[in-house]
Each structure stands twice: as structure tokens, then as C-alpha cells.
PDB file of N, CA and C in Angstrom:
ATOM      1  N   MET A   1     120.270  81.406  93.435  1.00  0.00           N
ATOM      2  CA  MET A   1     119.279  81.170  92.075  1.00  0.00           C
ATOM      3  C   MET A   1     118.585  82.607  91.676  1.00  0.00           C
ATOM      4  N   ALA A   2     118.587  83.347  91.002  1.00  0.00           N
ATOM      5  CA  ALA A   2     117.522  84.268  90.920  1.00  0.00           C
ATOM      6  C   ALA A   2     116.090  83.774  90.298  1.00  0.00           C
ATOM      7  N   LEU A   3     115.266  84.259  90.826  1.00  0.00           N
ATOM      8  CA  LEU A   3     113.618  84.278  90.631  1.00  0.00           C
ATOM      9  C   LEU A   3     113.905  84.798  89.306  1.00  0.00           C
ATOM     10  N   SER A   4     112.782  84.008  88.415  1.00  0.00           N
ATOM     11  CA  SER A   4     112.289  84.772  87.705  1.00  0.00           C
ATOM     12  C   SER A   4     111.851  85.562  87.444  1.00  0.00           C
ATOM     13  N   ASP A   5     111.518  86.826  86.509  1.00  0.00           N
ATOM     14  CA  ASP A   5     110.584  87.967  86.200  1.00  0.00           C
ATOM     15  C   ASP A   5     109.013  87.526  86.504  1.00  0.00           C
ATOM     16  N   GLN A   6     108.784  86.742  85.643  1.00  0.00           N
ATOM     17  CA  GLN A   6     107.342  86.261  86.124  1.00  0.00           C
ATOM     18  C   GLN A   6     106.561  85.521  86.941  1.00  0.00           C
ATOM     19  N   ILE A   7     108.109  84.942  88.090  1.00  0.00           N
ATOM     20  CA  ILE A   7     107.464  84.587  89.689  1.00  0.00           C
ATOM     21  C   ILE A   7     107.593  85.937  90.611  1.00  0.00           C
ATOM     22  N   LEU A   8     108.352  86.664  90.175  1.00  0.00           N
ATOM     23  CA  LEU A   8     108.366  88.059  91.100  1.00  0.00           C
ATOM     24  C   LEU A   8     107.305  89.106  90.474  1.00  0.00           C
ATOM     25  N   GLN A   9     106.599  88.698  89.127  1.00  0.00           N
ATOM     26  CA  GLN A   9     105.243  89.679  88.964  1.00  0.00           C
ATOM     27  C   GLN A   9     104.261  89.365  89.891  1.00  0.00           C
ATOM     28  N   LEU A  10     104.279  88.083  90.107  1.00  0.00           N
ATOM     29  CA  LEU A  10     103.307  87.130  90.842  1.00  0.00           C
ATOM     30  C   LEU A  10     103.103  87.659  92.422  1.00  0.00           C
ATOM     31  N   LEU A  11     104.051  88.004  93.125  1.00  0.00           N
ATOM     32  CA  LEU A  11     104.785  87.659  94.418  1.00  0.00           C
ATOM     33  C   LEU A  11     104.243  89.520  94.721  1.00  0.00           C
ATOM     34  N   ALA A  12     104.252  89.425  95.777  1.00  0.00           N
ATOM     35  CA  ALA A  12     103.247  90.927  97.026  1.00  0.00           C
ATOM     36  C   ALA A  12     103.503  90.511  98.331  1.00  0.00           C
ATOM     37  N   CYS A  13     104.159  91.920  98.618  1.00  0.00           N
ATOM     38  CA  CYS A  13     104.727  92.133  99.909  1.00  0.00           C
ATOM     39  C   CYS A  13     103.279  91.516 100.635  1.00  0.00           C
ATOM     40  N   PRO A  14     103.226  90.434 101.830  1.00  0.00           N
ATOM     41  CA  PRO A  14     102.303  90.576 102.840  1.00  0.00           C
ATOM     42  C   PRO A  14     101.862  91.268 103.384  1.00  0.00           C
ATOM     43  N   GLY A  15     102.723  92.539 103.877  1.00  0.00           N
ATOM     44  CA  GLY A  15     102.377  93.101 104.240  1.00  0.00           C
ATOM     45  C   GLY A  15     101.438  94.192 104.352  1.00  0.00           C
ATOM     46  N   CYS A  16     102.259  95.222 102.678  1.00  0.00           N
ATOM     47  CA  CYS A  16     101.464  95.892 102.669  1.00  0.00           C
ATOM     48  C   CYS A  16     100.805  95.678 101.019  1.00  0.00           C
ATOM     49  N   ARG A  17     101.175  94.888 100.818  1.00  0.00           N
ATOM     50  CA  ARG A  17     100.733  94.359  99.182  1.00  0.00           C
ATOM     51  C   ARG A  17     101.112  94.833  97.620  1.00  0.00           C
ATOM     52  N   GLY A  18     102.879  95.726  98.356  1.00  0.00           N
ATOM     53  CA  GLY A  18     103.466  96.125  97.148  1.00  0.00           C
ATOM     54  C   GLY A  18     103.816  95.171  97.306  1.00  0.00           C
ATOM     55  N   LYS A  19     104.880  95.784  95.981  1.00  0.00           N
ATOM     56  CA  LYS A  19     105.834  94.783  94.526  1.00  0.00           C
ATOM     57  C   LYS A  19     107.228  94.478  95.561  1.00  0.00           C
ATOM     58  N   LEU A  20     107.279  93.034  95.074  1.00  0.00           N
ATOM     59  CA  LEU A  20     109.009  92.779  95.940  1.00  0.00           C
ATOM     60  C   LEU A  20     109.585  93.044  94.616  1.00  0.00           C
ATOM     61  N   VAL A  21     110.988  93.596  95.496  1.00  0.00           N
ATOM     62  CA  VAL A  21     112.008  93.390  94.206  1.00  0.00           C
ATOM     63  C   VAL A  21     112.951  92.663  94.988  1.00  0.00           C
ATOM     64  N   GLU A  22     113.784  91.640  94.009  1.00  0.00           N
ATOM     65  CA  GLU A  22     114.732  90.728  94.547  1.00  0.00           C
ATOM     66  C   GLU A  22     116.511  91.156  94.413  1.00  0.00           C
ATOM     67  N   ILE A  23     117.404  91.545  95.934  1.00  0.00           N
ATOM     68  CA  ILE A  23     118.454  92.081  96.470  1.00  0.00           C
ATOM     69  C   ILE A  23     119.029  91.013  96.668  1.00  0.00           C
ATOM     70  N   GLY A  24     119.892  90.250  95.865  1.00  0.00           N
ATOM     71  CA  GLY A  24     120.692  89.520  96.557  1.00  0.00           C
ATOM     72  C   GLY A  24     120.439  87.943  97.251  1.00  0.00           C
ATOM     73  N   GLU A  25     120.075  87.699  98.676  1.00  0.00           N
ATOM     74  CA  GLU A  25     119.129  86.325  98.670  1.00  0.00           C
ATOM     75  C   GLU A  25     118.305  86.971  99.256  1.00  0.00           C
ATOM     76  N   SER A  26     117.356  87.568  99.017  1.00  0.00           N
ATOM     77  CA  SER A  26     116.414  88.116  99.956  1.00  0.00           C
ATOM     78  C   SER A  26     115.579  88.873  98.696  1.00  0.00           C
ATOM     79  N   LEU A  27     113.821  89.315  99.071  1.00  0.00           N
ATOM     80  CA  LEU A  27     113.372  89.681  98.560  1.00  0.00           C
ATOM     81  C   LEU A  27     112.530  91.333  99.468  1.00  0.00           C
ATOM     82  N   HIS A  28     113.069  92.442  98.497  1.00  0.00           N
ATOM     83  CA  HIS A  28     112.407  93.469  99.239  1.00  0.00           C
ATOM     84  C   HIS A  28     111.395  94.459  99.154  1.00  0.00           C
ATOM     85  N   CYS A  29     110.931  94.830  99.846  1.00  0.00           N
ATOM     86  CA  CYS A  29     109.948  96.237  99.736  1.00  0.00           C
ATOM     87  C   CYS A  29     109.630  97.107  99.468  1.00  0.00           C
ATOM     88  N   PRO A  30     109.716  98.109  98.758  1.00  0.00           N
ATOM     89  CA  PRO A  30     110.031  98.861  98.896  1.00  0.00           C
ATOM     90  C   PRO A  30     109.399 100.113  99.759  1.00  0.00           C
ATOM     91  N   SER A  31     108.049  99.497  99.507  1.00  0.00           N
ATOM     92  CA  SER A  31     107.169 100.315 100.115  1.00  0.00           C
ATOM     93  C   SER A  31     106.853 100.448 101.473  1.00  0.00           C
ATOM     94  N   CYS A  32     106.864  99.460 102.379  1.00  0.00           N
ATOM     95  CA  CYS A  32     106.939  99.285 103.730  1.00  0.00           C
ATOM     96  C   CYS A  32     108.259  98.913 104.835  1.00  0.00           C
ATOM     97  N   GLY A  33     109.368  98.660 103.402  1.00  0.00           N
ATOM     98  CA  GLY A  33     111.153  98.552 104.331  1.00  0.00           C
ATOM     99  C   GLY A  33     110.982  97.396 104.754  1.00  0.00           C
ATOM    100  N   LEU A  34     109.927  96.164 104.934  1.00  0.00           N
ATOM    101  CA  LEU A  34     110.492  94.681 104.819  1.00  0.00           C
ATOM    102  C   LEU A  34     111.129  93.761 103.536  1.00  0.00           C
ATOM    103  N   LYS A  35     111.948  93.317 104.473  1.00  0.00           N
ATOM    104  CA  LYS A  35     113.031  92.051 103.939  1.00  0.00           C
ATOM    105  C   LYS A  35     112.573  90.807 104.317  1.00  0.00           C
ATOM    106  N   PHE A  36     112.837  89.681 103.251  1.00  0.00           N
ATOM    107  CA  PHE A  36     111.783  88.647 102.799  1.00  0.00           C
ATOM    108  C   PHE A  36     113.237  87.758 102.631  1.00  0.00           C
ATOM    109  N   PRO A  37     112.942  86.798 103.284  1.00  0.00           N
ATOM    110  CA  PRO A  37     114.452  85.372 102.422  1.00  0.00           C
ATOM    111  C   PRO A  37     113.946  84.668 101.891  1.00  0.00           C
ATOM    112  N   VAL A  38     115.071  84.389 100.531  1.00  0.00           N
ATOM    113  CA  VAL A  38     115.105  82.980  99.904  1.00  0.00           C
ATOM    114  C   VAL A  38     115.977  82.160 100.588  1.00  0.00           C
ATOM    115  N   ARG A  39     115.029  80.778 100.617  1.00  0.00           N
ATOM    116  CA  ARG A  39     115.773  79.899 101.004  1.00  0.00           C
ATOM    117  C   ARG A  39     115.756  78.738 100.082  1.00  0.00           C
ATOM    118  N   ASP A  40     116.961  78.221  99.237  1.00  0.00           N
ATOM    119  CA  ASP A  40     116.937  77.257  98.561  1.00  0.00           C
ATOM    120  C   ASP A  40     115.660  77.792  97.209  1.00  0.00           C
ATOM    121  N   GLY A  41     116.033  78.855  97.558  1.00  0.00           N
ATOM    122  CA  GLY A  41     115.111  79.488  95.998  1.00  0.00           C
ATOM    123  C   GLY A  41     113.475  79.493  96.066  1.00  0.00           C
ATOM    124  N   ILE A  42     113.479  79.412  97.312  1.00  0.00           N
ATOM    125  CA  ILE A  42     111.779  79.777  97.868  1.00  0.00           C
ATOM    126  C   ILE A  42     111.402  81.098  98.796  1.00  0.00           C
ATOM    127  N   PRO A  43     110.839  81.639  98.347  1.00  0.00           N
ATOM    128  CA  PRO A  43     110.338  82.655  99.210  1.00  0.00           C
ATOM    129  C   PRO A  43     109.972  82.385  99.819  1.00  0.00           C
ATOM    130  N   VAL A  44     110.391  83.310 101.137  1.00  0.00           N
ATOM    131  CA  VAL A  44     109.485  82.590 102.423  1.00  0.00           C
ATOM    132  C   VAL A  44     109.346  84.375 102.983  1.00  0.00           C
ATOM    133  N   LEU A  45     107.180  83.981 102.639  1.00  0.00           N
ATOM    134  CA  LEU A  45     106.639  85.244 102.724  1.00  0.00           C
ATOM    135  C   LEU A  45     106.271  85.562 104.283  1.00  0.00           C
ATOM    136  N   LEU A  46     106.661  85.125 104.602  1.00  0.00           N
ATOM    137  CA  LEU A  46     105.242  84.607 106.246  1.00  0.00           C
ATOM    138  C   LEU A  46     106.433  86.391 107.154  1.00  0.00           C
ATOM    139  N   LEU A  47     105.234  86.806 107.806  1.00  0.00           N
ATOM    140  CA  LEU A  47     105.568  88.534 108.586  1.00  0.00           C
ATOM    141  C   LEU A  47     106.724  87.965 109.549  1.00  0.00           C
ATOM    142  N   SER A  48     106.619  87.014 109.866  1.00  0.00           N
ATOM    143  CA  SER A  48     107.576  86.652 111.156  1.00  0.00           C
ATOM    144  C   SER A  48     108.607  86.219 111.232  1.00  0.00           C
ATOM    145  N   GLU A  49     108.944  86.180 109.669  1.00  0.00           N
ATOM    146  CA  GLU A  49     110.348  85.539 108.995  1.00  0.00           C
ATOM    147  C   GLU A  49     110.713  87.084 108.354  1.00  0.00           C
ATOM    148  N   ALA A  50     109.766  87.953 108.615  1.00  0.00           N
ATOM    149  CA  ALA A  50     110.648  89.599 107.621  1.00  0.00           C
ATOM    150  C   ALA A  50     111.318  89.840 108.727  1.00  0.00           C
ATOM    151  N   GLU A  51     112.354  90.758 108.328  1.00  0.00           N
ATOM    152  CA  GLU A  51     113.320  91.779 108.676  1.00  0.00           C
ATOM    153  C   GLU A  51     112.785  93.573 108.319  1.00  0.00           C
ATOM    154  N   LYS A  52     112.883  94.291 109.367  1.00  0.00           N
ATOM    155  CA  LYS A  52     112.689  95.773 108.845  1.00  0.00           C
ATOM    156  C   LYS A  52     114.485  95.883 108.278  1.00  0.00           C
ATOM    157  N   GLU A  53     114.070  96.683 106.655  1.00  0.00           N
ATOM    158  CA  GLU A  53     115.675  97.085 106.455  1.00  0.00           C
ATOM    159  C   GLU A  53     116.414  98.523 107.325  1.00  0.00           C
ATOM    160  N   GLU A  54     117.290  98.599 107.174  1.00  0.00           N
ATOM    161  CA  GLU A  54     117.583  99.579 108.138  1.00  0.00           C
ATOM    162  C   GLU A  54     117.691 100.786 107.243  1.00  0.00           C
TER     163      GLU A  54
END
């Protein structure tokens, strides 16, 4: 399930406050390179759940 554009505009990376981009089943922050999971259509924007993009 894709997040709506309205929701994506409201969300920001909790690490650097950068804009998030939805790619597959996760949200990516191009600014700092963190990747956050989306579980059951709910973004999990916790730094402890984030992965560093390779």
C-alpha cells in the first residue's frame, strides 16, 4: 500500500528533518541516507528502527 502524497508531505526524517521518499516498502531520506520501514501502511519513524542505506 502506497502512502498518499499528502501524508508524505507531512513526514520528515527524525534524524536530519529532511524530506522522505517512498521506495518499495520503506521511506528513504536522501539527505542523511537513513531508511525507515513501513509496517501495515504505518511509517515507523524511530531512529532505533532505521537502517543506513548502502
